[in-house]
């Protein structure tokens, strides 16, 4: 990834209105900034959230709060807790996430 034409700026995430994205159960609140082709998000998953799709998008994802369970389509599962991250390329390994307790994530994709 190369980042071009992004002036220095500070983001106050509380000032960015969230959009609601329902899951199979629960919901996600996305606070989203776009910088050219790069999307930067602060995402909050409700307790009981289960994704309604398999994602093929690449991400760099960092867990700030809570606990996130990510399942890969080959059956592997990973649990992220605060201070942990995962990285995956576009179209590399389809994945879907869920959480029983809720989670807050910082995601760049």
PDB file of N, CA and C in Angstrom:
ATOM      1  N   UNK A   1       0.851  -1.167   0.000  1.00  0.00           N
ATOM      2  CA  UNK A   1       0.000   0.000   0.000  1.00  0.00           C
ATOM      3  C   UNK A   1       0.894   1.225   0.000  1.00  0.00           C
ATOM      4  N   UNK A   2       0.558   2.151  -0.839  1.00  0.00           N
ATOM      5  CA  UNK A   2       1.204   3.450  -0.814  1.00  0.00           C
ATOM      6  C   UNK A   2       0.149   4.492  -0.491  1.00  0.00           C
ATOM      7  N   UNK A   3       0.535   5.424   0.354  1.00  0.00           N
ATOM      8  CA  UNK A   3      -0.401   6.479   0.731  1.00  0.00           C
ATOM      9  C   UNK A   3       0.077   7.783   0.109  1.00  0.00           C
ATOM     10  N   UNK A   4      -0.815   8.401  -0.676  1.00  0.00           N
ATOM     11  CA  UNK A   4      -0.491   9.633  -1.375  1.00  0.00           C
ATOM     12  C   UNK A   4      -1.540  10.691  -1.095  1.00  0.00           C
ATOM     13  N   UNK A   5      -1.119  11.935  -1.151  1.00  0.00           N
ATOM     14  CA  UNK A   5      -2.034  13.080  -1.075  1.00  0.00           C
ATOM     15  C   UNK A   5      -2.921  13.076   0.160  1.00  0.00           C
ATOM     16  N   UNK A   6      -2.317  12.717   1.291  1.00  0.00           N
ATOM     17  CA  UNK A   6      -3.046  12.776   2.560  1.00  0.00           C
ATOM     18  C   UNK A   6      -2.354  13.818   3.428  1.00  0.00           C
ATOM     19  N   UNK A   7      -2.962  14.970   3.590  1.00  0.00           N
ATOM     20  CA  UNK A   7      -2.342  15.979   4.459  1.00  0.00           C
ATOM     21  C   UNK A   7      -2.432  15.521   5.913  1.00  0.00           C
ATOM     22  N   UNK A   8      -1.538  16.023   6.718  1.00  0.00           N
ATOM     23  CA  UNK A   8      -1.596  15.708   8.149  1.00  0.00           C
ATOM     24  C   UNK A   8      -2.924  16.188   8.706  1.00  0.00           C
ATOM     25  N   UNK A   9      -3.595  15.329   9.445  1.00  0.00           N
ATOM     26  CA  UNK A   9      -4.839  15.723  10.096  1.00  0.00           C
ATOM     27  C   UNK A   9      -5.019  14.901  11.364  1.00  0.00           C
ATOM     28  N   UNK A  10      -5.782  15.433  12.257  1.00  0.00           N
ATOM     29  CA  UNK A  10      -6.102  14.763  13.515  1.00  0.00           C
ATOM     30  C   UNK A  10      -7.563  14.365  13.449  1.00  0.00           C
ATOM     31  N   UNK A  11      -7.869  13.146  13.881  1.00  0.00           N
ATOM     32  CA  UNK A  11      -9.247  12.657  13.864  1.00  0.00           C
ATOM     33  C   UNK A  11      -9.768  12.547  15.286  1.00  0.00           C
ATOM     34  N   UNK A  12     -10.867  13.211  15.552  1.00  0.00           N
ATOM     35  CA  UNK A  12     -11.601  13.068  16.811  1.00  0.00           C
ATOM     36  C   UNK A  12     -12.747  12.110  16.497  1.00  0.00           C
ATOM     37  N   UNK A  13     -12.549  10.844  16.811  1.00  0.00           N
ATOM     38  CA  UNK A  13     -13.486   9.805  16.393  1.00  0.00           C
ATOM     39  C   UNK A  13     -14.892  10.035  16.935  1.00  0.00           C
ATOM     40  N   UNK A  14     -15.020  10.638  18.103  1.00  0.00           N
ATOM     41  CA  UNK A  14     -16.353  10.899  18.661  1.00  0.00           C
ATOM     42  C   UNK A  14     -17.136  11.901  17.818  1.00  0.00           C
ATOM     43  N   UNK A  15     -16.440  12.697  17.009  1.00  0.00           N
ATOM     44  CA  UNK A  15     -17.105  13.683  16.153  1.00  0.00           C
ATOM     45  C   UNK A  15     -17.577  13.099  14.823  1.00  0.00           C
ATOM     46  N   UNK A  16     -17.214  11.873  14.539  1.00  0.00           N
ATOM     47  CA  UNK A  16     -17.597  11.250  13.268  1.00  0.00           C
ATOM     48  C   UNK A  16     -18.849  10.407  13.513  1.00  0.00           C
ATOM     49  N   UNK A  17     -19.976  10.772  12.909  1.00  0.00           N
ATOM     50  CA  UNK A  17     -21.211  10.029  13.155  1.00  0.00           C
ATOM     51  C   UNK A  17     -21.078   8.582  12.673  1.00  0.00           C
ATOM     52  N   UNK A  18     -21.551   7.648  13.493  1.00  0.00           N
ATOM     53  CA  UNK A  18     -21.451   6.244  13.079  1.00  0.00           C
ATOM     54  C   UNK A  18     -22.558   5.859  12.105  1.00  0.00           C
ATOM     55  N   UNK A  19     -22.257   4.840  11.320  1.00  0.00           N
ATOM     56  CA  UNK A  19     -23.287   4.179  10.516  1.00  0.00           C
ATOM     57  C   UNK A  19     -23.502   2.811  11.130  1.00  0.00           C
ATOM     58  N   UNK A  20     -24.737   2.338  11.111  1.00  0.00           N
ATOM     59  CA  UNK A  20     -25.078   1.059  11.724  1.00  0.00           C
ATOM     60  C   UNK A  20     -25.113  -0.028  10.658  1.00  0.00           C
ATOM     61  N   UNK A  21     -24.466  -1.152  10.958  1.00  0.00           N
ATOM     62  CA  UNK A  21     -24.388  -2.286  10.045  1.00  0.00           C
ATOM     63  C   UNK A  21     -24.876  -3.522  10.791  1.00  0.00           C
ATOM     64  N   UNK A  22     -26.101  -3.988  10.486  1.00  0.00           N
ATOM     65  CA  UNK A  22     -26.614  -5.160  11.193  1.00  0.00           C
ATOM     66  C   UNK A  22     -25.857  -6.418  10.796  1.00  0.00           C
ATOM     67  N   UNK A  23     -25.695  -7.302  11.756  1.00  0.00           N
ATOM     68  CA  UNK A  23     -25.105  -8.604  11.491  1.00  0.00           C
ATOM     69  C   UNK A  23     -26.201  -9.655  11.418  1.00  0.00           C
ATOM     70  N   UNK A  24     -25.792 -10.908  11.354  1.00  0.00           N
ATOM     71  CA  UNK A  24     -26.749 -12.014  11.467  1.00  0.00           C
ATOM     72  C   UNK A  24     -27.465 -11.876  12.803  1.00  0.00           C
ATOM     73  N   UNK A  25     -26.708 -11.482  13.819  1.00  0.00           N
ATOM     74  CA  UNK A  25     -27.274 -11.022  15.086  1.00  0.00           C
ATOM     75  C   UNK A  25     -26.412  -9.870  15.566  1.00  0.00           C
ATOM     76  N   UNK A  26     -26.979  -8.989  16.356  1.00  0.00           N
ATOM     77  CA  UNK A  26     -26.257  -7.819  16.820  1.00  0.00           C
ATOM     78  C   UNK A  26     -26.006  -6.817  15.695  1.00  0.00           C
ATOM     79  N   UNK A  27     -25.129  -5.866  15.971  1.00  0.00           N
ATOM     80  CA  UNK A  27     -24.853  -4.815  14.986  1.00  0.00           C
ATOM     81  C   UNK A  27     -23.438  -4.293  15.188  1.00  0.00           C
ATOM     82  N   UNK A  28     -22.962  -3.576  14.168  1.00  0.00           N
ATOM     83  CA  UNK A  28     -21.679  -2.890  14.231  1.00  0.00           C
ATOM     84  C   UNK A  28     -21.909  -1.408  13.973  1.00  0.00           C
ATOM     85  N   UNK A  29     -21.224  -0.574  14.727  1.00  0.00           N
ATOM     86  CA  UNK A  29     -21.218   0.860  14.495  1.00  0.00           C
ATOM     87  C   UNK A  29     -19.867   1.220  13.907  1.00  0.00           C
ATOM     88  N   UNK A  30     -19.877   1.822  12.706  1.00  0.00           N
ATOM     89  CA  UNK A  30     -18.653   2.210  12.014  1.00  0.00           C
ATOM     90  C   UNK A  30     -18.517   3.723  12.030  1.00  0.00           C
ATOM     91  N   UNK A  31     -17.406   4.208  12.558  1.00  0.00           N
ATOM     92  CA  UNK A  31     -16.989   5.595  12.411  1.00  0.00           C
ATOM     93  C   UNK A  31     -15.918   5.543  11.321  1.00  0.00           C
ATOM     94  N   UNK A  32     -16.173   6.137  10.172  1.00  0.00           N
ATOM     95  CA  UNK A  32     -15.325   5.916   8.996  1.00  0.00           C
ATOM     96  C   UNK A  32     -14.730   7.211   8.460  1.00  0.00           C
ATOM     97  N   UNK A  33     -13.453   7.147   8.155  1.00  0.00           N
ATOM     98  CA  UNK A  33     -12.742   8.205   7.436  1.00  0.00           C
ATOM     99  C   UNK A  33     -12.176   7.588   6.165  1.00  0.00           C
ATOM    100  N   UNK A  34     -12.210   8.326   5.077  1.00  0.00           N
ATOM    101  CA  UNK A  34     -11.599   7.873   3.815  1.00  0.00           C
ATOM    102  C   UNK A  34     -10.497   8.827   3.424  1.00  0.00           C
ATOM    103  N   UNK A  35      -9.390   8.235   3.006  1.00  0.00           N
ATOM    104  CA  UNK A  35      -8.245   8.995   2.524  1.00  0.00           C
ATOM    105  C   UNK A  35      -7.858   8.376   1.189  1.00  0.00           C
ATOM    106  N   UNK A  36      -8.428   8.878   0.103  1.00  0.00           N
ATOM    107  CA  UNK A  36      -8.222   8.248  -1.202  1.00  0.00           C
ATOM    108  C   UNK A  36      -8.803   6.844  -1.179  1.00  0.00           C
ATOM    109  N   UNK A  37      -7.989   5.855  -1.525  1.00  0.00           N
ATOM    110  CA  UNK A  37      -8.433   4.458  -1.543  1.00  0.00           C
ATOM    111  C   UNK A  37      -8.362   3.787  -0.180  1.00  0.00           C
ATOM    112  N   UNK A  38      -7.900   4.497   0.833  1.00  0.00           N
ATOM    113  CA  UNK A  38      -7.710   3.910   2.160  1.00  0.00           C
ATOM    114  C   UNK A  38      -8.897   4.267   3.047  1.00  0.00           C
ATOM    115  N   UNK A  39      -9.447   3.245   3.663  1.00  0.00           N
ATOM    116  CA  UNK A  39     -10.549   3.432   4.609  1.00  0.00           C
ATOM    117  C   UNK A  39      -9.999   3.168   6.012  1.00  0.00           C
ATOM    118  N   UNK A  40     -10.268   4.091   6.935  1.00  0.00           N
ATOM    119  CA  UNK A  40      -9.841   3.958   8.325  1.00  0.00           C
ATOM    120  C   UNK A  40     -11.097   4.019   9.177  1.00  0.00           C
ATOM    121  N   UNK A  41     -11.239   3.027  10.072  1.00  0.00           N
ATOM    122  CA  UNK A  41     -12.490   2.944  10.837  1.00  0.00           C
ATOM    123  C   UNK A  41     -12.246   2.660  12.312  1.00  0.00           C
ATOM    124  N   UNK A  42     -13.106   3.202  13.130  1.00  0.00           N
ATOM    125  CA  UNK A  42     -13.250   2.786  14.508  1.00  0.00           C
ATOM    126  C   UNK A  42     -14.571   2.039  14.523  1.00  0.00           C
ATOM    127  N   UNK A  43     -14.526   0.749  14.828  1.00  0.00           N
ATOM    128  CA  UNK A  43     -15.717  -0.100  14.742  1.00  0.00           C
ATOM    129  C   UNK A  43     -16.042  -0.651  16.120  1.00  0.00           C
ATOM    130  N   UNK A  44     -17.310  -0.538  16.490  1.00  0.00           N
ATOM    131  CA  UNK A  44     -17.790  -1.080  17.761  1.00  0.00           C
ATOM    132  C   UNK A  44     -18.823  -2.162  17.463  1.00  0.00           C
ATOM    133  N   UNK A  45     -18.536  -3.390  17.891  1.00  0.00           N
ATOM    134  CA  UNK A  45     -19.476  -4.502  17.744  1.00  0.00           C
ATOM    135  C   UNK A  45     -20.268  -4.655  19.025  1.00  0.00           C
ATOM    136  N   UNK A  46     -21.564  -4.831  18.889  1.00  0.00           N
ATOM    137  CA  UNK A  46     -22.415  -5.064  20.055  1.00  0.00           C
ATOM    138  C   UNK A  46     -22.151  -6.460  20.610  1.00  0.00           C
ATOM    139  N   UNK A  47     -22.492  -6.651  21.868  1.00  0.00           N
ATOM    140  CA  UNK A  47     -22.469  -7.999  22.428  1.00  0.00           C
ATOM    141  C   UNK A  47     -23.403  -8.874  21.601  1.00  0.00           C
ATOM    142  N   UNK A  48     -23.003 -10.086  21.318  1.00  0.00           N
ATOM    143  CA  UNK A  48     -23.821 -10.992  20.535  1.00  0.00           C
ATOM    144  C   UNK A  48     -23.716 -10.811  19.034  1.00  0.00           C
ATOM    145  N   UNK A  49     -22.785  -9.957  18.573  1.00  0.00           N
ATOM    146  CA  UNK A  49     -22.636  -9.729  17.130  1.00  0.00           C
ATOM    147  C   UNK A  49     -22.099 -10.973  16.438  1.00  0.00           C
ATOM    148  N   UNK A  50     -22.718 -11.303  15.296  1.00  0.00           N
ATOM    149  CA  UNK A  50     -22.231 -12.344  14.390  1.00  0.00           C
ATOM    150  C   UNK A  50     -22.327 -11.771  12.983  1.00  0.00           C
ATOM    151  N   UNK A  51     -21.221 -11.769  12.249  1.00  0.00           N
ATOM    152  CA  UNK A  51     -21.214 -11.229  10.886  1.00  0.00           C
ATOM    153  C   UNK A  51     -22.195 -11.992  10.011  1.00  0.00           C
ATOM    154  N   UNK A  52     -22.809 -11.287   9.074  1.00  0.00           N
ATOM    155  CA  UNK A  52     -23.782 -11.908   8.169  1.00  0.00           C
ATOM    156  C   UNK A  52     -23.154 -12.287   6.832  1.00  0.00           C
ATOM    157  N   UNK A  53     -21.807 -12.272   6.751  1.00  0.00           N
ATOM    158  CA  UNK A  53     -21.133 -12.584   5.487  1.00  0.00           C
ATOM    159  C   UNK A  53     -19.691 -13.035   5.759  1.00  0.00           C
ATOM    160  N   UNK A  54     -19.107 -13.679   4.768  1.00  0.00           N
ATOM    161  CA  UNK A  54     -17.675 -13.992   4.770  1.00  0.00           C
ATOM    162  C   UNK A  54     -16.986 -12.829   4.069  1.00  0.00           C
ATOM    163  N   UNK A  55     -16.020 -12.234   4.719  1.00  0.00           N
ATOM    164  CA  UNK A  55     -15.329 -11.068   4.177  1.00  0.00           C
ATOM    165  C   UNK A  55     -14.074 -11.508   3.422  1.00  0.00           C
ATOM    166  N   UNK A  56     -13.861 -10.927   2.237  1.00  0.00           N
ATOM    167  CA  UNK A  56     -12.660 -11.200   1.449  1.00  0.00           C
ATOM    168  C   UNK A  56     -11.743  -9.989   1.367  1.00  0.00           C
ATOM    169  N   UNK A  57     -12.143  -8.894   2.034  1.00  0.00           N
ATOM    170  CA  UNK A  57     -11.362  -7.658   2.019  1.00  0.00           C
ATOM    171  C   UNK A  57     -10.158  -7.799   2.934  1.00  0.00           C
ATOM    172  N   UNK A  58      -9.032  -7.257   2.524  1.00  0.00           N
ATOM    173  CA  UNK A  58      -7.850  -7.234   3.374  1.00  0.00           C
ATOM    174  C   UNK A  58      -7.973  -6.148   4.431  1.00  0.00           C
ATOM    175  N   UNK A  59      -7.399  -6.414   5.599  1.00  0.00           N
ATOM    176  CA  UNK A  59      -7.464  -5.455   6.708  1.00  0.00           C
ATOM    177  C   UNK A  59      -6.181  -5.523   7.535  1.00  0.00           C
ATOM    178  N   UNK A  60      -5.924  -4.442   8.218  1.00  0.00           N
ATOM    179  CA  UNK A  60      -5.077  -4.433   9.401  1.00  0.00           C
ATOM    180  C   UNK A  60      -6.025  -4.040  10.515  1.00  0.00           C
ATOM    181  N   UNK A  61      -6.204  -4.922  11.474  1.00  0.00           N
ATOM    182  CA  UNK A  61      -7.219  -4.755  12.499  1.00  0.00           C
ATOM    183  C   UNK A  61      -6.561  -4.830  13.871  1.00  0.00           C
ATOM    184  N   UNK A  62      -6.855  -3.873  14.745  1.00  0.00           N
ATOM    185  CA  UNK A  62      -6.285  -3.815  16.087  1.00  0.00           C
ATOM    186  C   UNK A  62      -7.419  -3.774  17.100  1.00  0.00           C
ATOM    187  N   UNK A  63      -7.391  -4.682  18.068  1.00  0.00           N
ATOM    188  CA  UNK A  63      -8.433  -4.766  19.099  1.00  0.00           C
ATOM    189  C   UNK A  63      -8.109  -3.798  20.234  1.00  0.00           C
ATOM    190  N   UNK A  64      -9.039  -2.867  20.481  1.00  0.00           N
ATOM    191  CA  UNK A  64      -8.889  -1.882  21.550  1.00  0.00           C
ATOM    192  C   UNK A  64      -9.573  -2.323  22.840  1.00  0.00           C
ATOM    193  N   UNK A  65     -10.758  -2.925  22.697  1.00  0.00           N
ATOM    194  CA  UNK A  65     -11.556  -3.330  23.859  1.00  0.00           C
ATOM    195  C   UNK A  65     -12.316  -4.600  23.524  1.00  0.00           C
ATOM    196  N   UNK A  66     -12.684  -5.360  24.551  1.00  0.00           N
ATOM    197  CA  UNK A  66     -13.539  -6.524  24.379  1.00  0.00           C
ATOM    198  C   UNK A  66     -12.789  -7.734  23.857  1.00  0.00           C
ATOM    199  N   UNK A  67     -13.524  -8.561  23.124  1.00  0.00           N
ATOM    200  CA  UNK A  67     -12.961  -9.804  22.588  1.00  0.00           C
ATOM    201  C   UNK A  67     -13.608 -10.100  21.246  1.00  0.00           C
ATOM    202  N   UNK A  68     -12.801 -10.397  20.238  1.00  0.00           N
ATOM    203  CA  UNK A  68     -13.288 -10.678  18.893  1.00  0.00           C
ATOM    204  C   UNK A  68     -12.855 -12.071  18.477  1.00  0.00           C
ATOM    205  N   UNK A  69     -13.810 -12.867  18.028  1.00  0.00           N
ATOM    206  CA  UNK A  69     -13.536 -14.201  17.490  1.00  0.00           C
ATOM    207  C   UNK A  69     -13.597 -14.099  15.972  1.00  0.00           C
ATOM    208  N   UNK A  70     -12.529 -14.526  15.301  1.00  0.00           N
ATOM    209  CA  UNK A  70     -12.499 -14.509  13.840  1.00  0.00           C
ATOM    210  C   UNK A  70     -12.299 -15.933  13.350  1.00  0.00           C
ATOM    211  N   UNK A  71     -13.186 -16.352  12.471  1.00  0.00           N
ATOM    212  CA  UNK A  71     -13.169 -17.696  11.887  1.00  0.00           C
ATOM    213  C   UNK A  71     -12.737 -17.580  10.432  1.00  0.00           C
ATOM    214  N   UNK A  72     -11.810 -18.428  10.010  1.00  0.00           N
ATOM    215  CA  UNK A  72     -11.426 -18.485   8.600  1.00  0.00           C
ATOM    216  C   UNK A  72     -12.221 -19.587   7.924  1.00  0.00           C
ATOM    217  N   UNK A  73     -12.393 -19.503   6.608  1.00  0.00           N
ATOM    218  CA  UNK A  73     -13.226 -20.488   5.915  1.00  0.00           C
ATOM    219  C   UNK A  73     -12.605 -21.886   5.912  1.00  0.00           C
ATOM    220  N   UNK A  74     -11.331 -22.013   6.300  1.00  0.00           N
ATOM    221  CA  UNK A  74     -10.720 -23.334   6.410  1.00  0.00           C
ATOM    222  C   UNK A  74     -10.928 -23.961   7.793  1.00  0.00           C
ATOM    223  N   UNK A  75     -11.682 -23.258   8.664  1.00  0.00           N
ATOM    224  CA  UNK A  75     -12.014 -23.799   9.973  1.00  0.00           C
ATOM    225  C   UNK A  75     -11.164 -23.265  11.119  1.00  0.00           C
ATOM    226  N   UNK A  76     -10.064 -22.612  10.831  1.00  0.00           N
ATOM    227  CA  UNK A  76      -9.254 -22.055  11.928  1.00  0.00           C
ATOM    228  C   UNK A  76      -9.998 -20.897  12.588  1.00  0.00           C
ATOM    229  N   UNK A  77      -9.758 -20.742  13.894  1.00  0.00           N
ATOM    230  CA  UNK A  77     -10.366 -19.664  14.663  1.00  0.00           C
ATOM    231  C   UNK A  77      -9.307 -18.954  15.482  1.00  0.00           C
ATOM    232  N   UNK A  78      -9.498 -17.649  15.638  1.00  0.00           N
ATOM    233  CA  UNK A  78      -8.565 -16.831  16.400  1.00  0.00           C
ATOM    234  C   UNK A  78      -9.358 -15.916  17.310  1.00  0.00           C
ATOM    235  N   UNK A  79      -8.860 -15.706  18.511  1.00  0.00           N
ATOM    236  CA  UNK A  79      -9.490 -14.804  19.470  1.00  0.00           C
ATOM    237  C   UNK A  79      -8.547 -13.620  19.679  1.00  0.00           C
ATOM    238  N   UNK A  80      -9.068 -12.419  19.456  1.00  0.00           N
ATOM    239  CA  UNK A  80      -8.300 -11.204  19.721  1.00  0.00           C
ATOM    240  C   UNK A  80      -8.825 -10.551  20.991  1.00  0.00           C
ATOM    241  N   UNK A  81      -7.896 -10.119  21.824  1.00  0.00           N
ATOM    242  CA  UNK A  81      -8.206  -9.354  23.020  1.00  0.00           C
ATOM    243  C   UNK A  81      -7.436  -8.039  22.924  1.00  0.00           C
ATOM    244  N   UNK A  82      -7.706  -7.078  23.796  1.00  0.00           N
ATOM    245  CA  UNK A  82      -7.056  -5.781  23.687  1.00  0.00           C
ATOM    246  C   UNK A  82      -5.526  -5.897  23.569  1.00  0.00           C
ATOM    247  N   UNK A  83      -4.997  -5.142  22.594  1.00  0.00           N
ATOM    248  CA  UNK A  83      -3.569  -5.145  22.339  1.00  0.00           C
ATOM    249  C   UNK A  83      -3.138  -6.108  21.256  1.00  0.00           C
ATOM    250  N   UNK A  84      -4.067  -6.905  20.732  1.00  0.00           N
ATOM    251  CA  UNK A  84      -3.754  -7.862  19.669  1.00  0.00           C
ATOM    252  C   UNK A  84      -4.268  -7.343  18.329  1.00  0.00           C
ATOM    253  N   UNK A  85      -3.664  -7.836  17.236  1.00  0.00           N
ATOM    254  CA  UNK A  85      -4.103  -7.456  15.901  1.00  0.00           C
ATOM    255  C   UNK A  85      -4.081  -8.660  14.982  1.00  0.00           C
ATOM    256  N   UNK A  86      -4.737  -8.501  13.827  1.00  0.00           N
ATOM    257  CA  UNK A  86      -4.498  -9.435  12.732  1.00  0.00           C
ATOM    258  C   UNK A  86      -4.363  -8.638  11.453  1.00  0.00           C
ATOM    259  N   UNK A  87      -3.717  -9.265  10.494  1.00  0.00           N
ATOM    260  CA  UNK A  87      -3.485  -8.683   9.187  1.00  0.00           C
ATOM    261  C   UNK A  87      -3.834  -9.752   8.159  1.00  0.00           C
ATOM    262  N   UNK A  88      -4.545  -9.383   7.114  1.00  0.00           N
ATOM    263  CA  UNK A  88      -4.894 -10.325   6.052  1.00  0.00           C
ATOM    264  C   UNK A  88      -4.990  -9.540   4.746  1.00  0.00           C
ATOM    265  N   UNK A  89      -4.555 -10.174   3.662  1.00  0.00           N
ATOM    266  CA  UNK A  89      -4.563  -9.525   2.349  1.00  0.00           C
ATOM    267  C   UNK A  89      -5.931  -9.641   1.682  1.00  0.00           C
ATOM    268  N   UNK A  90      -6.171  -8.768   0.705  1.00  0.00           N
ATOM    269  CA  UNK A  90      -7.376  -8.873  -0.109  1.00  0.00           C
ATOM    270  C   UNK A  90      -7.430 -10.246  -0.773  1.00  0.00           C
ATOM    271  N   UNK A  91      -8.601 -10.864  -0.763  1.00  0.00           N
ATOM    272  CA  UNK A  91      -8.866 -12.137  -1.436  1.00  0.00           C
ATOM    273  C   UNK A  91      -7.941 -13.270  -1.005  1.00  0.00           C
ATOM    274  N   UNK A  92      -7.363 -13.181   0.191  1.00  0.00           N
ATOM    275  CA  UNK A  92      -6.422 -14.208   0.647  1.00  0.00           C
ATOM    276  C   UNK A  92      -7.118 -15.323   1.420  1.00  0.00           C
ATOM    277  N   UNK A  93      -7.831 -14.967   2.474  1.00  0.00           N
ATOM    278  CA  UNK A  93      -8.468 -15.957   3.329  1.00  0.00           C
ATOM    279  C   UNK A  93      -9.794 -15.398   3.829  1.00  0.00           C
ATOM    280  N   UNK A  94     -10.906 -15.836   3.242  1.00  0.00           N
ATOM    281  CA  UNK A  94     -12.199 -15.350   3.711  1.00  0.00           C
ATOM    282  C   UNK A  94     -12.346 -15.558   5.220  1.00  0.00           C
ATOM    283  N   UNK A  95     -12.936 -14.569   5.871  1.00  0.00           N
ATOM    284  CA  UNK A  95     -13.045 -14.589   7.324  1.00  0.00           C
ATOM    285  C   UNK A  95     -14.368 -13.946   7.744  1.00  0.00           C
ATOM    286  N   UNK A  96     -14.808 -14.321   8.936  1.00  0.00           N
ATOM    287  CA  UNK A  96     -15.982 -13.668   9.517  1.00  0.00           C
ATOM    288  C   UNK A  96     -15.782 -13.580  11.018  1.00  0.00           C
ATOM    289  N   UNK A  97     -16.380 -12.552  11.589  1.00  0.00           N
ATOM    290  CA  UNK A  97     -16.142 -12.252  12.991  1.00  0.00           C
ATOM    291  C   UNK A  97     -17.413 -12.334  13.816  1.00  0.00           C
ATOM    292  N   UNK A  98     -17.200 -12.554  15.101  1.00  0.00           N
ATOM    293  CA  UNK A  98     -18.300 -12.545  16.056  1.00  0.00           C
ATOM    294  C   UNK A  98     -17.736 -12.175  17.428  1.00  0.00           C
ATOM    295  N   UNK A  99     -18.629 -11.806  18.327  1.00  0.00           N
ATOM    296  CA  UNK A  99     -18.226 -11.507  19.699  1.00  0.00           C
ATOM    297  C   UNK A  99     -19.401 -11.759  20.624  1.00  0.00           C
ATOM    298  N   UNK A 100     -19.124 -12.353  21.757  1.00  0.00           N
ATOM    299  CA  UNK A 100     -20.186 -12.543  22.748  1.00  0.00           C
ATOM    300  C   UNK A 100     -20.293 -11.333  23.671  1.00  0.00           C
ATOM    301  N   UNK A 101     -19.165 -10.664  23.928  1.00  0.00           N
ATOM    302  CA  UNK A 101     -19.131  -9.571  24.917  1.00  0.00           C
ATOM    303  C   UNK A 101     -19.059  -8.185  24.292  1.00  0.00           C
ATOM    304  N   UNK A 102     -18.865  -8.101  22.986  1.00  0.00           N
ATOM    305  CA  UNK A 102     -18.673  -6.828  22.304  1.00  0.00           C
ATOM    306  C   UNK A 102     -17.190  -6.561  22.105  1.00  0.00           C
ATOM    307  N   UNK A 103     -16.884  -5.666  21.187  1.00  0.00           N
ATOM    308  CA  UNK A 103     -15.494  -5.336  20.905  1.00  0.00           C
ATOM    309  C   UNK A 103     -15.415  -3.961  20.254  1.00  0.00           C
ATOM    310  N   UNK A 104     -14.286  -3.294  20.470  1.00  0.00           N
ATOM    311  CA  UNK A 104     -13.985  -2.038  19.774  1.00  0.00           C
ATOM    312  C   UNK A 104     -12.673  -2.235  19.043  1.00  0.00           C
ATOM    313  N   UNK A 105     -12.678  -1.916  17.745  1.00  0.00           N
ATOM    314  CA  UNK A 105     -11.545  -2.195  16.869  1.00  0.00           C
ATOM    315  C   UNK A 105     -11.138  -0.956  16.096  1.00  0.00           C
ATOM    316  N   UNK A 106      -9.856  -0.871  15.765  1.00  0.00           N
ATOM    317  CA  UNK A 106      -9.343   0.135  14.842  1.00  0.00           C
ATOM    318  C   UNK A 106      -8.920  -0.636  13.595  1.00  0.00           C
ATOM    319  N   UNK A 107      -9.474  -0.263  12.438  1.00  0.00           N
ATOM    320  CA  UNK A 107      -9.278  -1.043  11.214  1.00  0.00           C
ATOM    321  C   UNK A 107      -8.826  -0.119  10.097  1.00  0.00           C
ATOM    322  N   UNK A 108      -7.810  -0.572   9.361  1.00  0.00           N
ATOM    323  CA  UNK A 108      -7.358   0.123   8.158  1.00  0.00           C
ATOM    324  C   UNK A 108      -7.475  -0.852   7.005  1.00  0.00           C
ATOM    325  N   UNK A 109      -8.161  -0.430   5.955  1.00  0.00           N
ATOM    326  CA  UNK A 109      -8.301  -1.293   4.766  1.00  0.00           C
ATOM    327  C   UNK A 109      -8.516  -0.455   3.512  1.00  0.00           C
TER     328      UNK A 109
END
